[in-house]
Amino acid sequence: MTLPAQPPVIDLAWRALANDVAGNGGTSDVDAVDIDVNWAALSIDNVEPRMVEAFTGHTWDATTSSVIGDVDFELDSWTSVRVVFDETIDVASVVASDFKVAGTTPAAAETFGSSVFLTVNPMAPNAEPLVELVGTVADRAGNTLAAGPEVTAADGIAPSITIWVDRPPESVQGRITLTSDEDIIGSPSIRLISGAGNVVLPGMSNPAPRIWERIFDPAIVGGSLAEFTVVAEGSDPIGNRGRSELTTTLTQGSINVTVVLQGQSEHDGAVVTIDGPEFYVVTTDASGIFIVSLAPGTYSLTAEYFHSVPAVATVVVREGRPTIVQTILLRGDFNGDGTIDLLDLVGVAGNFGATNSGWDESP
């Protein structure tokens, strides 16, 4: 039987009638549960598939057999493009080299139903790359789609929002700073979740492009010692909604110290004194690097090492943000007066050429 051209997939109903040699008639029935005769379905497909659309950011979740990024934009991927056809595609007919995305062959291709997911290089958050079919793909009936079709992928990548929490200088208030890797419609929304409740903070300032700030009273999260979670959300101009969370406190800052001993490959033995609202003395290990958590405030730092000029500095430690300092201790202060001068050279000259200081033995 020959049929005229049909839509990509069409379902026909059919049944079979037959008589045995005694003339008893019978009818096929796909459902033998009841006495009704049920027709069977026959799908006929003789039309090639069609590439209809594409999206950046969409991936496939094999656990739930669903597309990730189609609804939960915060789960999208910067390295995935989803190509959608108008019917189910034969998995065996698809390889990565059948496609080009922004002129580049994808690293991998996976097919699930009518979608092909392409692994590509990391894309900009608002990328809309051209997707080209440069090979051939086929549907389950064997109808092939030849090279030529192309489609511009829609932006399916949500903005990535970064959250900072600290205090403004010399302030008892808290400050939330948000940044985004792409434009956001209006301002992001902020919620503070803590043991004191769930609070929405409206009215963010926008001091620079893609940067927002909000000052808040620590009392709304239970005080400066309380742990709380900041939830920030915002949508890009396409409507992709990004979401980010940060759990933190306002109680501590930190100071990251690096001490380098001039002319040495290992930097252990330097003594660093940290004096301010809290007091610490730290001796460096071979790396010369250490981190100390501190209460916010102003501190004086002094780093000392044998025959080196001390390094002295005043630093401000702020809550929720590291203060990073580094120094190189200069060698040559042989008399320990904190200055490298002619007196140090005299001391070196007096001992020049010596190889053994000797020992004194008491009787």
Protein backbone atom coordinates (compact mmCIF):
# COMPACT_ATOMS: atom_id res chain seq x y z
CA MET A 1 0.00 0.00 0.00
CA THR A 2 1.33 3.42 -0.94
CA LEU A 3 0.33 6.50 1.04
CA PRO A 4 0.61 10.14 -0.01
CA ALA A 5 3.01 12.45 1.88
CA GLN A 6 1.92 12.86 5.47
CA PRO A 7 2.77 15.26 8.32
CA PRO A 8 5.96 14.29 10.21
CA VAL A 9 4.08 11.81 12.41
CA ILE A 10 0.52 10.62 11.83
CA ASP A 11 -1.40 7.98 13.75
CA LEU A 12 -3.75 5.70 11.81
CA ALA A 13 -6.25 3.27 13.31
CA TRP A 14 -6.40 -0.28 11.94
CA ARG A 15 -7.78 -3.72 12.63
CA ALA A 16 -7.56 -7.10 10.93
CA LEU A 17 -10.50 -9.28 9.93
CA ALA A 18 -10.16 -13.01 9.12
CA ASN A 19 -12.22 -16.18 8.71
CA ASP A 20 -11.10 -19.72 9.43
CA VAL A 21 -11.84 -22.62 7.07
CA ALA A 22 -15.16 -23.21 8.83
CA GLY A 23 -16.21 -19.65 8.09
CA ASN A 24 -15.89 -18.38 11.66
CA GLY A 25 -14.96 -14.69 11.61
CA GLY A 26 -12.53 -12.94 13.94
CA THR A 27 -11.32 -9.41 14.53
CA SER A 28 -8.01 -8.28 15.99
CA ASP A 29 -8.30 -6.56 19.38
CA VAL A 30 -5.44 -4.78 21.15
CA ASP A 31 -7.41 -4.89 24.41
CA ALA A 32 -8.67 -8.34 25.37
CA VAL A 33 -9.95 -7.16 28.76
CA ASP A 34 -13.43 -6.13 27.65
CA ILE A 35 -15.81 -7.32 24.96
CA ASP A 36 -15.37 -4.22 22.82
CA VAL A 37 -13.21 -4.42 19.73
CA ASN A 38 -10.35 -1.89 20.04
CA TRP A 39 -8.49 -0.63 17.00
CA ALA A 40 -4.71 -0.62 16.92
CA ALA A 41 -2.64 2.49 16.16
CA LEU A 42 -0.27 2.67 13.21
CA SER A 43 2.20 5.53 12.92
CA ILE A 44 3.50 6.35 9.45
CA ASP A 45 6.34 8.82 9.03
CA ASN A 46 7.80 9.63 5.62
CA VAL A 47 8.84 13.27 6.23
CA GLU A 48 12.31 14.40 7.28
CA PRO A 49 12.71 16.01 10.70
CA ARG A 50 12.99 19.78 11.05
CA MET A 51 15.36 21.78 13.26
CA VAL A 52 13.08 24.34 14.90
CA GLU A 53 14.90 26.12 17.77
CA ALA A 54 17.88 26.13 20.13
CA PHE A 55 18.67 27.36 23.63
CA THR A 56 21.90 28.06 25.48
CA GLY A 57 22.24 26.76 29.03
CA HIS A 58 19.88 23.77 28.79
CA THR A 59 21.14 20.32 29.84
CA TRP A 60 19.54 16.90 30.32
CA ASP A 61 18.85 15.28 33.69
CA ALA A 62 18.86 11.53 33.08
CA THR A 63 17.58 10.91 36.62
CA THR A 64 14.30 12.74 36.09
CA SER A 65 14.25 12.54 32.26
CA SER A 66 13.78 16.29 32.05
CA VAL A 67 15.54 19.36 30.73
CA ILE A 68 17.61 21.30 33.26
CA GLY A 69 17.58 25.06 32.74
CA ASP A 70 14.19 25.15 31.07
CA VAL A 71 12.57 26.08 34.37
CA ASP A 72 15.31 26.09 37.03
CA PHE A 73 17.54 28.71 35.47
CA GLU A 74 20.00 28.66 38.36
CA LEU A 75 20.91 25.12 37.26
CA ASP A 76 21.76 26.05 33.69
CA SER A 77 25.14 25.45 32.06
CA TRP A 78 27.50 27.84 30.31
CA THR A 79 28.83 24.94 28.23
CA SER A 80 25.65 23.43 26.81
CA VAL A 81 23.37 24.22 23.86
CA ARG A 82 20.08 22.39 23.31
CA VAL A 83 18.90 21.93 19.70
CA VAL A 84 15.20 21.07 19.32
CA PHE A 85 13.68 19.17 16.38
CA ASP A 86 10.00 18.71 15.57
CA GLU A 87 10.08 14.97 16.24
CA THR A 88 12.09 12.27 17.99
CA ILE A 89 15.61 11.86 16.59
CA ASP A 90 17.42 8.56 16.10
CA VAL A 91 20.25 8.51 18.65
CA ALA A 92 22.52 6.50 16.36
CA SER A 93 22.29 9.12 13.61
CA VAL A 94 23.79 11.97 15.69
CA VAL A 95 27.46 12.80 16.29
CA ALA A 96 29.02 16.05 17.49
CA SER A 97 30.53 16.79 14.08
CA ASP A 98 27.02 17.06 12.61
CA PHE A 99 26.82 20.53 14.17
CA LYS A 100 28.69 23.78 14.50
CA VAL A 101 28.01 26.32 17.24
CA ALA A 102 29.36 29.82 16.58
CA GLY A 103 31.53 28.25 13.89
CA THR A 104 33.07 25.62 16.20
CA THR A 105 32.44 21.86 16.34
CA PRO A 106 31.02 20.83 19.74
CA ALA A 107 33.03 18.54 22.00
CA ALA A 108 30.12 16.09 22.44
CA ALA A 109 26.49 15.49 21.49
CA GLU A 110 23.76 13.60 23.35
CA THR A 111 20.27 12.92 22.03
CA PHE A 112 17.13 12.58 24.16
CA GLY A 113 13.78 12.52 22.40
CA SER A 114 13.53 15.47 20.04
CA SER A 115 16.45 17.35 21.64
CA VAL A 116 20.18 17.19 20.97
CA PHE A 117 22.43 18.57 23.70
CA LEU A 118 25.78 19.92 22.51
CA THR A 119 28.79 20.46 24.78
CA VAL A 120 30.59 23.66 23.78
CA ASN A 121 33.24 26.04 25.09
CA PRO A 122 32.10 28.36 27.93
CA MET A 123 29.75 31.03 26.59
CA ALA A 124 29.02 34.58 27.70
CA PRO A 125 25.94 34.79 29.95
CA ASN A 126 23.97 36.56 27.21
CA ALA A 127 25.33 34.56 24.25
CA GLU A 128 23.05 33.81 21.28
CA PRO A 129 25.28 31.65 19.03
CA LEU A 130 24.37 30.46 15.55
CA VAL A 131 23.76 26.69 15.46
CA GLU A 132 24.32 25.01 12.07
CA LEU A 133 23.58 21.49 10.89
CA VAL A 134 26.64 20.56 8.81
CA GLY A 135 26.07 16.78 8.73
CA THR A 136 22.90 14.69 8.58
CA VAL A 137 20.52 13.46 11.26
CA ALA A 138 17.57 11.08 10.99
CA ASP A 139 14.29 10.41 12.73
CA ARG A 140 13.24 6.96 13.99
CA ALA A 141 11.71 6.11 10.60
CA GLY A 142 15.01 6.73 8.84
CA ASN A 143 14.04 10.02 7.20
CA THR A 144 17.22 12.12 7.02
CA LEU A 145 17.71 15.86 7.33
CA ALA A 146 20.68 17.00 5.26
CA ALA A 147 23.17 19.75 6.05
CA GLY A 148 22.03 23.33 5.67
CA PRO A 149 19.50 24.29 8.36
CA GLU A 150 20.63 26.83 10.94
CA VAL A 151 19.01 28.57 13.91
CA THR A 152 20.11 31.25 16.36
CA ALA A 153 20.08 29.93 19.92
CA ALA A 154 18.00 31.87 22.41
CA ASP A 155 19.70 33.05 25.60
CA GLY A 156 18.88 30.47 28.25
CA ILE A 157 21.67 31.32 30.72
CA ALA A 158 20.62 33.10 33.90
CA PRO A 159 22.71 35.90 35.39
CA SER A 160 25.31 34.83 37.94
CA ILE A 161 24.90 36.89 41.11
CA THR A 162 27.74 37.22 43.65
CA ILE A 163 27.02 38.22 47.25
CA TRP A 164 29.38 40.08 49.63
CA VAL A 165 28.50 40.83 53.25
CA ASP A 166 30.51 43.25 55.41
CA ARG A 167 30.20 46.48 57.38
CA PRO A 168 30.86 49.97 56.05
CA PRO A 169 34.01 51.53 57.61
CA GLU A 170 33.48 52.67 61.20
CA SER A 171 29.83 51.57 61.13
CA VAL A 172 27.79 49.22 63.31
CA GLN A 173 25.43 48.50 60.39
CA GLY A 174 25.66 45.60 57.97
CA ARG A 175 26.14 45.98 54.22
CA ILE A 176 25.18 43.61 51.40
CA THR A 177 26.86 44.08 48.02
CA LEU A 178 25.66 42.23 44.91
CA THR A 179 27.36 41.97 41.53
CA SER A 180 26.09 40.37 38.31
CA ASP A 181 27.83 39.16 35.18
CA GLU A 182 25.07 40.67 33.00
CA ASP A 183 22.39 43.33 33.13
CA ILE A 184 19.43 42.75 35.46
CA ILE A 185 15.96 44.20 35.04
CA GLY A 186 15.46 46.77 37.81
CA SER A 187 17.29 45.67 40.96
CA PRO A 188 17.85 42.19 42.41
CA SER A 189 15.64 41.15 45.30
CA ILE A 190 17.13 40.26 48.68
CA ARG A 191 15.84 38.12 51.52
CA LEU A 192 17.56 37.56 54.87
CA ILE A 193 16.75 34.22 56.50
CA SER A 194 17.73 33.68 60.13
CA GLY A 195 16.44 32.48 63.46
CA ALA A 196 14.79 35.89 63.76
CA GLY A 197 12.64 35.29 60.68
CA ASN A 198 12.50 35.83 56.92
CA VAL A 199 12.95 39.50 55.97
CA VAL A 200 12.71 41.09 52.51
CA LEU A 201 15.00 44.10 52.02
CA PRO A 202 13.70 46.58 49.42
CA GLY A 203 15.37 49.70 48.08
CA MET A 204 18.84 48.72 46.89
CA SER A 205 21.19 51.45 45.70
CA ASN A 206 23.02 51.06 42.37
CA PRO A 207 26.39 52.85 42.75
CA ALA A 208 27.85 51.40 39.52
CA PRO A 209 26.72 49.25 36.58
CA ARG A 210 25.83 45.71 37.72
CA ILE A 211 26.62 46.56 41.37
CA TRP A 212 23.96 46.98 44.08
CA GLU A 213 24.24 47.76 47.79
CA ARG A 214 21.95 47.68 50.80
CA ILE A 215 22.69 48.76 54.38
CA PHE A 216 20.80 46.89 57.10
CA ASP A 217 20.48 46.77 60.87
CA PRO A 218 22.00 43.53 62.27
CA ALA A 219 19.09 43.37 64.71
CA ILE A 220 16.80 42.09 61.94
CA VAL A 221 18.86 38.85 61.76
CA GLY A 222 19.21 38.48 65.52
CA GLY A 223 22.26 40.68 66.12
CA SER A 224 25.90 40.83 65.03
CA LEU A 225 26.67 37.37 66.39
CA ALA A 226 23.84 35.64 64.54
CA GLU A 227 24.30 33.44 61.47
CA PHE A 228 21.99 34.30 58.57
CA THR A 229 21.48 33.49 54.89
CA VAL A 230 21.27 36.07 52.13
CA VAL A 231 19.13 35.01 49.14
CA ALA A 232 19.48 37.21 46.04
CA GLU A 233 17.47 36.85 42.82
CA GLY A 234 17.31 38.80 39.59
CA SER A 235 16.26 38.42 35.94
CA ASP A 236 18.18 39.36 32.81
CA PRO A 237 16.43 41.24 29.96
CA ILE A 238 15.40 37.90 28.38
CA GLY A 239 13.71 36.76 31.59
CA ASN A 240 16.24 34.15 32.76
CA ARG A 241 16.17 34.35 36.55
CA GLY A 242 19.38 33.89 38.52
CA ARG A 243 19.53 32.99 42.19
CA SER A 244 22.38 32.93 44.70
CA GLU A 245 22.72 32.20 48.43
CA LEU A 246 25.35 33.03 51.05
CA THR A 247 25.30 31.93 54.69
CA THR A 248 27.49 34.12 56.88
CA THR A 249 27.78 36.23 60.05
CA LEU A 250 28.92 39.75 60.82
CA THR A 251 31.19 38.72 63.65
CA GLN A 252 34.63 38.27 62.09
CA GLY A 253 36.99 39.44 59.42
CA SER A 254 40.39 38.02 58.59
CA ILE A 255 43.90 39.04 57.71
CA ASN A 256 45.90 37.10 55.12
CA VAL A 257 49.65 37.60 55.68
CA THR A 258 52.57 36.74 53.40
CA VAL A 259 56.14 37.25 54.67
CA VAL A 260 59.05 36.77 52.26
CA LEU A 261 62.62 36.53 53.57
CA GLN A 262 64.87 38.28 51.05
CA GLY A 263 67.19 35.90 49.24
CA GLN A 264 65.73 32.72 50.77
CA SER A 265 63.62 30.00 49.21
CA GLU A 266 61.98 29.11 52.52
CA HIS A 267 60.47 31.73 54.78
CA ASP A 268 60.02 30.09 58.18
CA GLY A 269 61.02 31.72 61.45
CA ALA A 270 59.75 35.25 60.94
CA VAL A 271 57.81 36.54 63.97
CA VAL A 272 54.66 38.55 63.21
CA THR A 273 52.96 40.50 65.99
CA ILE A 274 49.32 41.53 65.45
CA ASP A 275 48.11 44.08 67.99
CA GLY A 276 44.68 45.71 68.15
CA PRO A 277 41.24 44.63 69.39
CA GLU A 278 42.84 41.18 69.58
CA PHE A 279 46.50 40.22 70.06
CA TYR A 280 48.39 37.45 68.27
CA VAL A 281 52.01 36.44 67.77
CA VAL A 282 52.58 34.10 64.81
CA THR A 283 55.83 32.45 63.68
CA THR A 284 55.82 31.71 59.95
CA ASP A 285 56.36 28.29 58.44
CA ALA A 286 58.33 27.63 55.25
CA SER A 287 55.60 29.10 53.05
CA GLY A 288 55.59 32.40 54.92
CA ILE A 289 51.79 32.52 54.55
CA PHE A 290 49.12 32.39 57.25
CA ILE A 291 45.53 33.53 57.86
CA VAL A 292 44.12 34.74 61.18
CA SER A 293 40.44 35.38 61.90
CA LEU A 294 40.05 38.65 63.80
CA ALA A 295 37.42 40.93 65.24
CA PRO A 296 36.93 44.01 63.06
CA GLY A 297 39.07 47.03 63.83
CA THR A 298 42.46 48.68 63.33
CA TYR A 299 45.60 46.63 63.93
CA SER A 300 49.33 47.24 63.92
CA LEU A 301 51.48 44.56 62.30
CA THR A 302 55.17 44.03 62.92
CA ALA A 303 57.20 41.34 61.16
CA GLU A 304 60.74 40.60 62.40
CA TYR A 305 63.54 38.24 61.46
CA PHE A 306 67.18 37.89 62.51
CA HIS A 307 69.44 40.43 60.72
CA SER A 308 66.47 41.86 58.77
CA VAL A 309 64.80 45.27 58.89
CA PRO A 310 61.40 44.96 60.64
CA ALA A 311 58.25 45.62 58.60
CA VAL A 312 55.60 47.74 60.34
CA ALA A 313 52.11 48.55 59.05
CA THR A 314 48.65 49.63 60.20
CA VAL A 315 45.72 47.75 58.65
CA VAL A 316 41.95 47.81 59.01
CA VAL A 317 40.14 44.48 59.31
CA ARG A 318 36.49 44.53 58.21
CA GLU A 319 33.81 41.94 58.76
CA GLY A 320 33.09 39.42 56.01
CA ARG A 321 36.04 40.49 53.88
CA PRO A 322 39.72 39.43 54.02
CA THR A 323 42.47 42.02 54.46
CA ILE A 324 45.50 40.94 52.40
CA VAL A 325 49.01 42.14 53.28
CA GLN A 326 52.48 41.05 52.23
CA THR A 327 56.06 42.16 52.89
CA ILE A 328 59.65 41.35 51.99
CA LEU A 329 61.99 41.50 55.01
CA LEU A 330 65.24 43.06 53.80
CA ARG A 331 68.45 41.38 54.99
CA GLY A 332 71.43 43.41 56.23
CA ASP A 333 70.53 44.89 59.63
CA PHE A 334 73.34 43.05 61.39
CA ASN A 335 73.43 45.23 64.52
CA GLY A 336 69.66 45.06 65.01
CA ASP A 337 68.99 48.82 65.16
CA GLY A 338 66.25 48.67 62.49
CA THR A 339 68.32 50.40 59.83
CA ILE A 340 70.77 49.13 57.22
CA ASP A 341 73.71 51.59 57.31
CA LEU A 342 77.50 51.89 57.55
CA LEU A 343 77.55 50.37 61.03
CA ASP A 344 76.22 47.13 59.54
CA LEU A 345 78.92 47.21 56.86
CA VAL A 346 81.61 47.72 59.55
CA GLY A 347 80.34 44.66 61.38
CA VAL A 348 80.45 42.58 58.23
CA ALA A 349 83.94 43.87 57.29
CA GLY A 350 85.33 43.01 60.72
CA ASN A 351 84.32 39.39 60.30
CA PHE A 352 85.02 39.14 56.59
CA GLY A 353 86.62 35.83 55.68
CA ALA A 354 85.80 34.13 58.99
CA THR A 355 84.75 30.49 58.71
CA ASN A 356 84.49 29.49 62.40
CA SER A 357 83.41 31.59 65.38
CA GLY A 358 85.06 29.08 67.78
CA TRP A 359 84.01 27.96 71.24
CA ASP A 360 85.03 29.04 74.76
CA GLU A 361 85.35 26.26 77.26
CA SER A 362 85.22 26.98 81.00
CA PRO A 363 87.59 24.93 83.20
